[in-house]
């Protein structure tokens, strides 16, 4: 079985790129199941009903969110959709869910969405203690478990992967919008990559207009957030899972320009 994970879709141009390329990628790599991060898809912050519906129309299996979950108020009208996950370690009582179980072929795939706490400016519960309870809740119902960790700090992501090594099928990072080259199978069998990258403008600063971003760094003054234009790329990662052992046997990074 091949599981495709798509890096953060940034803005409407990123959405268009994904819509143009997704079915081609799915056919080319013989993809069985797809997880897409779309927390930046609407103007760079949040997701709208239209974008959500567009992704569902493409038969995406899971749509994940992160620190911009509440960026567009539309989300409150579809937050309980079974294919939508927001970070599981948001405070108790927050609407939506952070854990889901999905059927694919004859397997059940558990997906856990988490958000980091280092340099994220989001008040959330401890992802390390939360992931324990999330895994224990679904482990007996799933053949495999994928954990998306939406976090800034590389160290926090690596620590998380090693903390749950052997307990889940794979841990992959999102949020930094830069694809890392450290894909590996950890000592106890869990697959890992620090960040799968972004789906958005190539000529940009992590999806943001270059001039606006540079001005912020040079002057130290607030500058209005502005998405970059131009040609986009897709960053993604494919985890190939052995159907018998339900362990990852290979990890392939993808960059489509």
C-alpha atoms as a PDB file:
ATOM      1  CA  UNK A   1       0.000   0.000   0.000  1.00  0.00           C
ATOM      2  CA  UNK A   2       1.208   3.507  -0.821  1.00  0.00           C
ATOM      3  CA  UNK A   3       0.300   6.458   1.404  1.00  0.00           C
ATOM      4  CA  UNK A   4       0.762   9.935  -0.097  1.00  0.00           C
ATOM      5  CA  UNK A   5       1.228  12.901   2.249  1.00  0.00           C
ATOM      6  CA  UNK A   6       0.989  16.381   0.715  1.00  0.00           C
ATOM      7  CA  UNK A   7       2.877  19.337   2.213  1.00  0.00           C
ATOM      8  CA  UNK A   8       0.986  22.456   3.335  1.00  0.00           C
ATOM      9  CA  UNK A   9      -1.073  23.871   0.459  1.00  0.00           C
ATOM     10  CA  UNK A  10      -0.383  27.633   0.414  1.00  0.00           C
ATOM     11  CA  UNK A  11      -2.973  29.970  -1.086  1.00  0.00           C
ATOM     12  CA  UNK A  12      -5.303  29.621  -4.016  1.00  0.00           C
ATOM     13  CA  UNK A  13      -2.407  29.192  -6.466  1.00  0.00           C
ATOM     14  CA  UNK A  14      -1.229  26.256  -4.387  1.00  0.00           C
ATOM     15  CA  UNK A  15      -4.743  24.832  -4.482  1.00  0.00           C
ATOM     16  CA  UNK A  16      -4.818  25.164  -8.268  1.00  0.00           C
ATOM     17  CA  UNK A  17      -1.439  23.431  -8.587  1.00  0.00           C
ATOM     18  CA  UNK A  18      -2.655  20.587  -6.420  1.00  0.00           C
ATOM     19  CA  UNK A  19      -5.884  20.229  -8.404  1.00  0.00           C
ATOM     20  CA  UNK A  20      -3.935  20.203 -11.687  1.00  0.00           C
ATOM     21  CA  UNK A  21      -1.398  17.584 -10.574  1.00  0.00           C
ATOM     22  CA  UNK A  22      -3.007  15.366  -7.946  1.00  0.00           C
ATOM     23  CA  UNK A  23      -4.684  12.803 -10.182  1.00  0.00           C
ATOM     24  CA  UNK A  24      -1.530  12.541 -12.310  1.00  0.00           C
ATOM     25  CA  UNK A  25       0.579  11.884  -9.219  1.00  0.00           C
ATOM     26  CA  UNK A  26      -1.939   9.388  -7.906  1.00  0.00           C
ATOM     27  CA  UNK A  27      -1.814   7.423 -11.150  1.00  0.00           C
ATOM     28  CA  UNK A  28       1.947   7.723 -11.678  1.00  0.00           C
ATOM     29  CA  UNK A  29       2.824   6.404  -8.223  1.00  0.00           C
ATOM     30  CA  UNK A  30      -0.139   4.053  -7.797  1.00  0.00           C
ATOM     31  CA  UNK A  31      -1.341   5.826  -4.635  1.00  0.00           C
ATOM     32  CA  UNK A  32      -3.890   4.143  -2.372  1.00  0.00           C
ATOM     33  CA  UNK A  33      -4.492   6.732   0.357  1.00  0.00           C
ATOM     34  CA  UNK A  34      -3.844  10.486   0.605  1.00  0.00           C
ATOM     35  CA  UNK A  35      -3.416  12.912   3.521  1.00  0.00           C
ATOM     36  CA  UNK A  36      -3.327  16.620   2.625  1.00  0.00           C
ATOM     37  CA  UNK A  37      -2.421  19.546   4.885  1.00  0.00           C
ATOM     38  CA  UNK A  38      -4.643  22.487   3.884  1.00  0.00           C
ATOM     39  CA  UNK A  39      -4.340  24.883   6.819  1.00  0.00           C
ATOM     40  CA  UNK A  40      -2.813  27.617   4.616  1.00  0.00           C
ATOM     41  CA  UNK A  41      -4.979  26.996   1.563  1.00  0.00           C
ATOM     42  CA  UNK A  42      -7.289  30.036   1.786  1.00  0.00           C
ATOM     43  CA  UNK A  43      -5.262  33.206   1.369  1.00  0.00           C
ATOM     44  CA  UNK A  44      -2.435  31.658   3.375  1.00  0.00           C
ATOM     45  CA  UNK A  45      -4.462  31.259   6.567  1.00  0.00           C
ATOM     46  CA  UNK A  46      -7.217  28.705   7.068  1.00  0.00           C
ATOM     47  CA  UNK A  47      -9.561  26.895   4.703  1.00  0.00           C
ATOM     48  CA  UNK A  48     -12.917  27.786   3.149  1.00  0.00           C
ATOM     49  CA  UNK A  49     -15.933  25.626   2.407  1.00  0.00           C
ATOM     50  CA  UNK A  50     -15.219  25.881  -1.334  1.00  0.00           C
ATOM     51  CA  UNK A  51     -11.616  24.715  -1.036  1.00  0.00           C
ATOM     52  CA  UNK A  52     -12.650  21.933   1.313  1.00  0.00           C
ATOM     53  CA  UNK A  53     -15.278  20.775  -1.193  1.00  0.00           C
ATOM     54  CA  UNK A  54     -12.767  20.970  -4.055  1.00  0.00           C
ATOM     55  CA  UNK A  55     -10.418  18.645  -2.159  1.00  0.00           C
ATOM     56  CA  UNK A  56     -13.234  16.236  -1.364  1.00  0.00           C
ATOM     57  CA  UNK A  57     -14.211  16.190  -5.044  1.00  0.00           C
ATOM     58  CA  UNK A  58     -10.715  14.883  -5.809  1.00  0.00           C
ATOM     59  CA  UNK A  59     -11.311  12.029  -3.338  1.00  0.00           C
ATOM     60  CA  UNK A  60      -8.647  13.110  -0.875  1.00  0.00           C
ATOM     61  CA  UNK A  61      -8.915  10.786   2.129  1.00  0.00           C
ATOM     62  CA  UNK A  62      -7.884  13.078   4.998  1.00  0.00           C
ATOM     63  CA  UNK A  63      -7.466  16.867   5.275  1.00  0.00           C
ATOM     64  CA  UNK A  64      -5.320  18.098   8.168  1.00  0.00           C
ATOM     65  CA  UNK A  65      -4.971  21.504   9.795  1.00  0.00           C
ATOM     66  CA  UNK A  66      -2.496  23.284  12.081  1.00  0.00           C
ATOM     67  CA  UNK A  67      -1.866  26.655  13.705  1.00  0.00           C
ATOM     68  CA  UNK A  68      -4.150  28.421  11.203  1.00  0.00           C
ATOM     69  CA  UNK A  69      -7.078  26.046  11.755  1.00  0.00           C
ATOM     70  CA  UNK A  70      -9.408  28.905  12.685  1.00  0.00           C
ATOM     71  CA  UNK A  71      -8.098  31.345  10.050  1.00  0.00           C
ATOM     72  CA  UNK A  72     -11.399  31.320   8.149  1.00  0.00           C
ATOM     73  CA  UNK A  73     -14.702  31.210  10.006  1.00  0.00           C
ATOM     74  CA  UNK A  74     -16.130  28.932   7.290  1.00  0.00           C
ATOM     75  CA  UNK A  75     -14.531  26.009   9.064  1.00  0.00           C
ATOM     76  CA  UNK A  76     -17.069  26.015  11.885  1.00  0.00           C
ATOM     77  CA  UNK A  77     -19.716  24.868   9.415  1.00  0.00           C
ATOM     78  CA  UNK A  78     -17.792  21.712   8.457  1.00  0.00           C
ATOM     79  CA  UNK A  79     -15.377  21.170  11.368  1.00  0.00           C
ATOM     80  CA  UNK A  80     -17.080  17.866  12.252  1.00  0.00           C
ATOM     81  CA  UNK A  81     -16.676  16.337   8.796  1.00  0.00           C
ATOM     82  CA  UNK A  82     -15.098  12.876   9.198  1.00  0.00           C
ATOM     83  CA  UNK A  83     -12.314  13.654   6.725  1.00  0.00           C
ATOM     84  CA  UNK A  84     -11.179  16.819   8.520  1.00  0.00           C
ATOM     85  CA  UNK A  85      -8.668  16.732  11.384  1.00  0.00           C
ATOM     86  CA  UNK A  86      -7.445  19.635  13.515  1.00  0.00           C
ATOM     87  CA  UNK A  87      -4.605  19.210  16.058  1.00  0.00           C
ATOM     88  CA  UNK A  88      -5.567  16.638  18.697  1.00  0.00           C
ATOM     89  CA  UNK A  89      -3.793  18.567  21.445  1.00  0.00           C
ATOM     90  CA  UNK A  90      -5.979  21.647  21.272  1.00  0.00           C
ATOM     91  CA  UNK A  91      -7.642  22.264  24.624  1.00  0.00           C
ATOM     92  CA  UNK A  92     -10.334  19.877  25.813  1.00  0.00           C
ATOM     93  CA  UNK A  93     -13.762  20.899  24.569  1.00  0.00           C
ATOM     94  CA  UNK A  94     -12.593  22.576  21.356  1.00  0.00           C
ATOM     95  CA  UNK A  95     -14.793  21.652  18.402  1.00  0.00           C
ATOM     96  CA  UNK A  96     -13.591  19.153  15.832  1.00  0.00           C
ATOM     97  CA  UNK A  97     -11.397  16.105  16.244  1.00  0.00           C
ATOM     98  CA  UNK A  98      -7.703  15.321  15.975  1.00  0.00           C
ATOM     99  CA  UNK A  99      -7.848  11.570  15.463  1.00  0.00           C
ATOM    100  CA  UNK A 100      -9.537   9.543  12.744  1.00  0.00           C
ATOM    101  CA  UNK A 101      -9.734   5.971  11.494  1.00  0.00           C
ATOM    102  CA  UNK A 102     -10.195   5.352   7.784  1.00  0.00           C
ATOM    103  CA  UNK A 103     -10.689   2.253   5.657  1.00  0.00           C
ATOM    104  CA  UNK A 104      -8.529   1.598   2.617  1.00  0.00           C
ATOM    105  CA  UNK A 105      -8.742  -1.697   0.788  1.00  0.00           C
ATOM    106  CA  UNK A 106      -8.820  -4.244   3.624  1.00  0.00           C
ATOM    107  CA  UNK A 107      -6.865  -2.091   6.096  1.00  0.00           C
ATOM    108  CA  UNK A 108      -7.781   0.465   8.747  1.00  0.00           C
ATOM    109  CA  UNK A 109      -5.524   3.519   8.851  1.00  0.00           C
ATOM    110  CA  UNK A 110      -5.382   5.684  11.954  1.00  0.00           C
ATOM    111  CA  UNK A 111      -4.353   9.322  11.494  1.00  0.00           C
ATOM    112  CA  UNK A 112      -3.359  11.610  14.378  1.00  0.00           C
ATOM    113  CA  UNK A 113      -2.850  15.355  13.872  1.00  0.00           C
ATOM    114  CA  UNK A 114      -0.678  17.164  16.452  1.00  0.00           C
ATOM    115  CA  UNK A 115       0.682  20.685  16.871  1.00  0.00           C
ATOM    116  CA  UNK A 116       4.009  21.592  18.448  1.00  0.00           C
ATOM    117  CA  UNK A 117       4.534  24.072  21.275  1.00  0.00           C
ATOM    118  CA  UNK A 118       8.031  25.425  20.564  1.00  0.00           C
ATOM    119  CA  UNK A 119       7.855  28.869  18.856  1.00  0.00           C
ATOM    120  CA  UNK A 120       4.326  28.220  17.595  1.00  0.00           C
ATOM    121  CA  UNK A 121       2.436  30.990  19.445  1.00  0.00           C
ATOM    122  CA  UNK A 122      -0.506  28.654  19.946  1.00  0.00           C
ATOM    123  CA  UNK A 123      -1.844  27.660  23.349  1.00  0.00           C
ATOM    124  CA  UNK A 124      -2.101  23.882  23.223  1.00  0.00           C
ATOM    125  CA  UNK A 125      -1.788  20.862  25.450  1.00  0.00           C
ATOM    126  CA  UNK A 126       1.442  18.869  25.622  1.00  0.00           C
ATOM    127  CA  UNK A 127       1.681  16.905  22.353  1.00  0.00           C
ATOM    128  CA  UNK A 128       3.821  14.202  23.959  1.00  0.00           C
ATOM    129  CA  UNK A 129       1.272  13.285  26.599  1.00  0.00           C
ATOM    130  CA  UNK A 130      -1.603  13.747  24.170  1.00  0.00           C
ATOM    131  CA  UNK A 131      -0.120  11.395  21.602  1.00  0.00           C
ATOM    132  CA  UNK A 132       0.069   8.643  24.220  1.00  0.00           C
ATOM    133  CA  UNK A 133      -3.662   8.813  24.883  1.00  0.00           C
ATOM    134  CA  UNK A 134      -4.455   9.132  21.159  1.00  0.00           C
ATOM    135  CA  UNK A 135      -2.418   6.041  20.283  1.00  0.00           C
ATOM    136  CA  UNK A 136      -3.901   4.013  23.139  1.00  0.00           C
ATOM    137  CA  UNK A 137      -7.393   4.999  22.030  1.00  0.00           C
ATOM    138  CA  UNK A 138      -7.066   3.645  18.483  1.00  0.00           C
ATOM    139  CA  UNK A 139      -4.189   1.144  18.424  1.00  0.00           C
ATOM    140  CA  UNK A 140      -6.410  -1.916  18.778  1.00  0.00           C
ATOM    141  CA  UNK A 141      -8.694  -0.749  15.966  1.00  0.00           C
ATOM    142  CA  UNK A 142      -6.012   0.069  13.362  1.00  0.00           C
ATOM    143  CA  UNK A 143      -3.606  -1.824  11.151  1.00  0.00           C
ATOM    144  CA  UNK A 144      -1.357   1.230  10.918  1.00  0.00           C
ATOM    145  CA  UNK A 145      -1.096   4.715  12.452  1.00  0.00           C
ATOM    146  CA  UNK A 146       0.225   7.883  10.792  1.00  0.00           C
ATOM    147  CA  UNK A 147       1.110  10.926  12.911  1.00  0.00           C
ATOM    148  CA  UNK A 148       1.362  14.391  11.366  1.00  0.00           C
ATOM    149  CA  UNK A 149       3.289  16.759  13.642  1.00  0.00           C
ATOM    150  CA  UNK A 150       2.684  20.397  12.688  1.00  0.00           C
ATOM    151  CA  UNK A 151       5.632  22.021  14.423  1.00  0.00           C
ATOM    152  CA  UNK A 152       8.346  24.647  14.018  1.00  0.00           C
ATOM    153  CA  UNK A 153      11.288  23.163  15.891  1.00  0.00           C
ATOM    154  CA  UNK A 154      13.281  20.389  14.269  1.00  0.00           C
ATOM    155  CA  UNK A 155      14.322  19.108  17.686  1.00  0.00           C
ATOM    156  CA  UNK A 156      10.707  18.827  18.839  1.00  0.00           C
ATOM    157  CA  UNK A 157       9.810  16.813  15.743  1.00  0.00           C
ATOM    158  CA  UNK A 158      12.774  14.452  16.087  1.00  0.00           C
ATOM    159  CA  UNK A 159      12.085  14.002  19.790  1.00  0.00           C
ATOM    160  CA  UNK A 160       8.458  13.155  19.051  1.00  0.00           C
ATOM    161  CA  UNK A 161       9.419  10.579  16.436  1.00  0.00           C
ATOM    162  CA  UNK A 162      11.801   8.842  18.810  1.00  0.00           C
ATOM    163  CA  UNK A 163       9.303   9.052  21.666  1.00  0.00           C
ATOM    164  CA  UNK A 164       6.722   7.028  19.723  1.00  0.00           C
ATOM    165  CA  UNK A 165       9.130   4.939  17.633  1.00  0.00           C
ATOM    166  CA  UNK A 166       7.715   1.431  17.407  1.00  0.00           C
ATOM    167  CA  UNK A 167       4.226   2.554  18.459  1.00  0.00           C
ATOM    168  CA  UNK A 168       3.126   4.045  15.125  1.00  0.00           C
ATOM    169  CA  UNK A 169       3.750   3.380  11.447  1.00  0.00           C
ATOM    170  CA  UNK A 170       5.076   6.818  10.513  1.00  0.00           C
ATOM    171  CA  UNK A 171       5.670  10.333  11.826  1.00  0.00           C
ATOM    172  CA  UNK A 172       6.051  13.217   9.397  1.00  0.00           C
ATOM    173  CA  UNK A 173       6.353  16.949   9.937  1.00  0.00           C
ATOM    174  CA  UNK A 174       4.544  19.891   8.390  1.00  0.00           C
ATOM    175  CA  UNK A 175       4.491  23.683   8.983  1.00  0.00           C
ATOM    176  CA  UNK A 176       7.996  24.886   7.998  1.00  0.00           C
ATOM    177  CA  UNK A 177       7.188  24.678   4.245  1.00  0.00           C
ATOM    178  CA  UNK A 178      10.721  23.419   3.498  1.00  0.00           C
ATOM    179  CA  UNK A 179      11.148  19.773   2.561  1.00  0.00           C
ATOM    180  CA  UNK A 180      13.906  18.038   4.522  1.00  0.00           C
ATOM    181  CA  UNK A 181      16.193  15.269   3.276  1.00  0.00           C
ATOM    182  CA  UNK A 182      16.275  13.144   6.428  1.00  0.00           C
ATOM    183  CA  UNK A 183      13.739  10.435   5.588  1.00  0.00           C
ATOM    184  CA  UNK A 184      14.559   7.267   7.528  1.00  0.00           C
ATOM    185  CA  UNK A 185      13.282   4.177   9.294  1.00  0.00           C
ATOM    186  CA  UNK A 186      13.982   4.557  13.011  1.00  0.00           C
ATOM    187  CA  UNK A 187      15.411   1.827  15.239  1.00  0.00           C
ATOM    188  CA  UNK A 188      12.059   0.322  16.249  1.00  0.00           C
ATOM    189  CA  UNK A 189      10.528   0.480  12.776  1.00  0.00           C
ATOM    190  CA  UNK A 190       8.705   3.812  12.606  1.00  0.00           C
ATOM    191  CA  UNK A 191       9.221   5.830   9.410  1.00  0.00           C
ATOM    192  CA  UNK A 192      10.162   9.490   9.825  1.00  0.00           C
ATOM    193  CA  UNK A 193      10.832  12.738   7.952  1.00  0.00           C
ATOM    194  CA  UNK A 194      11.157  16.149   9.641  1.00  0.00           C
ATOM    195  CA  UNK A 195       9.103  18.091   7.084  1.00  0.00           C
ATOM    196  CA  UNK A 196       7.425  17.146   3.825  1.00  0.00           C
ATOM    197  CA  UNK A 197       7.475  20.738   2.521  1.00  0.00           C
ATOM    198  CA  UNK A 198       4.763  22.855   0.893  1.00  0.00           C
ATOM    199  CA  UNK A 199       2.545  23.073  -2.155  1.00  0.00           C
ATOM    200  CA  UNK A 200       2.811  26.683  -3.240  1.00  0.00           C
ATOM    201  CA  UNK A 201       4.823  29.423  -5.009  1.00  0.00           C
ATOM    202  CA  UNK A 202       8.409  28.515  -5.857  1.00  0.00           C
ATOM    203  CA  UNK A 203       9.746  32.079  -5.999  1.00  0.00           C
ATOM    204  CA  UNK A 204       8.813  33.035  -2.455  1.00  0.00           C
ATOM    205  CA  UNK A 205       9.806  32.979   1.182  1.00  0.00           C
ATOM    206  CA  UNK A 206       7.896  29.883   2.347  1.00  0.00           C
ATOM    207  CA  UNK A 207       4.985  30.977   0.161  1.00  0.00           C
ATOM    208  CA  UNK A 208       5.144  34.658   1.059  1.00  0.00           C
ATOM    209  CA  UNK A 209       5.979  37.512  -1.311  1.00  0.00           C
ATOM    210  CA  UNK A 210       9.763  37.923  -1.213  1.00  0.00           C
ATOM    211  CA  UNK A 211       9.874  41.708  -1.004  1.00  0.00           C
ATOM    212  CA  UNK A 212       7.344  41.879   1.800  1.00  0.00           C
ATOM    213  CA  UNK A 213       9.199  39.209   3.732  1.00  0.00           C
ATOM    214  CA  UNK A 214      12.614  40.822   3.254  1.00  0.00           C
ATOM    215  CA  UNK A 215      11.229  44.189   4.364  1.00  0.00           C
ATOM    216  CA  UNK A 216      10.034  42.652   7.614  1.00  0.00           C
ATOM    217  CA  UNK A 217      13.487  41.253   8.353  1.00  0.00           C
ATOM    218  CA  UNK A 218      15.403  44.382   7.297  1.00  0.00           C
ATOM    219  CA  UNK A 219      13.258  46.953   9.096  1.00  0.00           C
ATOM    220  CA  UNK A 220      11.923  44.849  11.996  1.00  0.00           C
ATOM    221  CA  UNK A 221       8.598  46.575  11.352  1.00  0.00           C
ATOM    222  CA  UNK A 222       5.284  44.751  10.812  1.00  0.00           C
ATOM    223  CA  UNK A 223       4.536  44.283   7.137  1.00  0.00           C
ATOM    224  CA  UNK A 224       1.211  43.137   5.770  1.00  0.00           C
ATOM    225  CA  UNK A 225       1.169  39.440   4.967  1.00  0.00           C
ATOM    226  CA  UNK A 226       1.124  38.904   1.202  1.00  0.00           C
ATOM    227  CA  UNK A 227       1.185  35.668  -0.744  1.00  0.00           C
ATOM    228  CA  UNK A 228       3.636  35.256  -3.586  1.00  0.00           C
ATOM    229  CA  UNK A 229       2.502  34.803  -7.176  1.00  0.00           C
ATOM    230  CA  UNK A 230       3.977  32.768  -9.992  1.00  0.00           C
ATOM    231  CA  UNK A 231       4.788  29.157 -10.717  1.00  0.00           C
ATOM    232  CA  UNK A 232       4.047  26.675  -7.964  1.00  0.00           C
ATOM    233  CA  UNK A 233       5.460  23.334  -6.877  1.00  0.00           C
ATOM    234  CA  UNK A 234       4.138  20.326  -5.018  1.00  0.00           C
ATOM    235  CA  UNK A 235       6.148  18.864  -2.138  1.00  0.00           C
ATOM    236  CA  UNK A 236       5.010  15.481  -0.916  1.00  0.00           C
ATOM    237  CA  UNK A 237       6.173  12.192   0.530  1.00  0.00           C
ATOM    238  CA  UNK A 238       5.153   8.629  -0.242  1.00  0.00           C
ATOM    239  CA  UNK A 239       5.296   5.941   2.426  1.00  0.00           C
ATOM    240  CA  UNK A 240       5.159   2.426   1.002  1.00  0.00           C
ATOM    241  CA  UNK A 241       3.738   0.019   3.558  1.00  0.00           C
ATOM    242  CA  UNK A 242       4.135  -3.757   3.483  1.00  0.00           C
ATOM    243  CA  UNK A 243       0.630  -5.255   3.360  1.00  0.00           C
ATOM    244  CA  UNK A 244       1.534  -8.115   5.688  1.00  0.00           C
ATOM    245  CA  UNK A 245       3.646  -6.413   8.371  1.00  0.00           C
ATOM    246  CA  UNK A 246       1.991  -2.985   8.014  1.00  0.00           C
ATOM    247  CA  UNK A 247       5.429  -1.387   8.372  1.00  0.00           C
ATOM    248  CA  UNK A 248       6.960   1.162   6.029  1.00  0.00           C
ATOM    249  CA  UNK A 249       9.487  -0.393   3.657  1.00  0.00           C
ATOM    250  CA  UNK A 250      10.382   2.728   1.681  1.00  0.00           C
ATOM    251  CA  UNK A 251      10.032   6.528   1.826  1.00  0.00           C
ATOM    252  CA  UNK A 252      10.116   8.669  -1.314  1.00  0.00           C
ATOM    253  CA  UNK A 253      10.167  12.456  -1.359  1.00  0.00           C
ATOM    254  CA  UNK A 254       8.451  14.207  -4.284  1.00  0.00           C
ATOM    255  CA  UNK A 255       9.010  17.654  -5.776  1.00  0.00           C
ATOM    256  CA  UNK A 256       6.799  18.482  -8.758  1.00  0.00           C
ATOM    257  CA  UNK A 257       7.398  21.854 -10.455  1.00  0.00           C
END
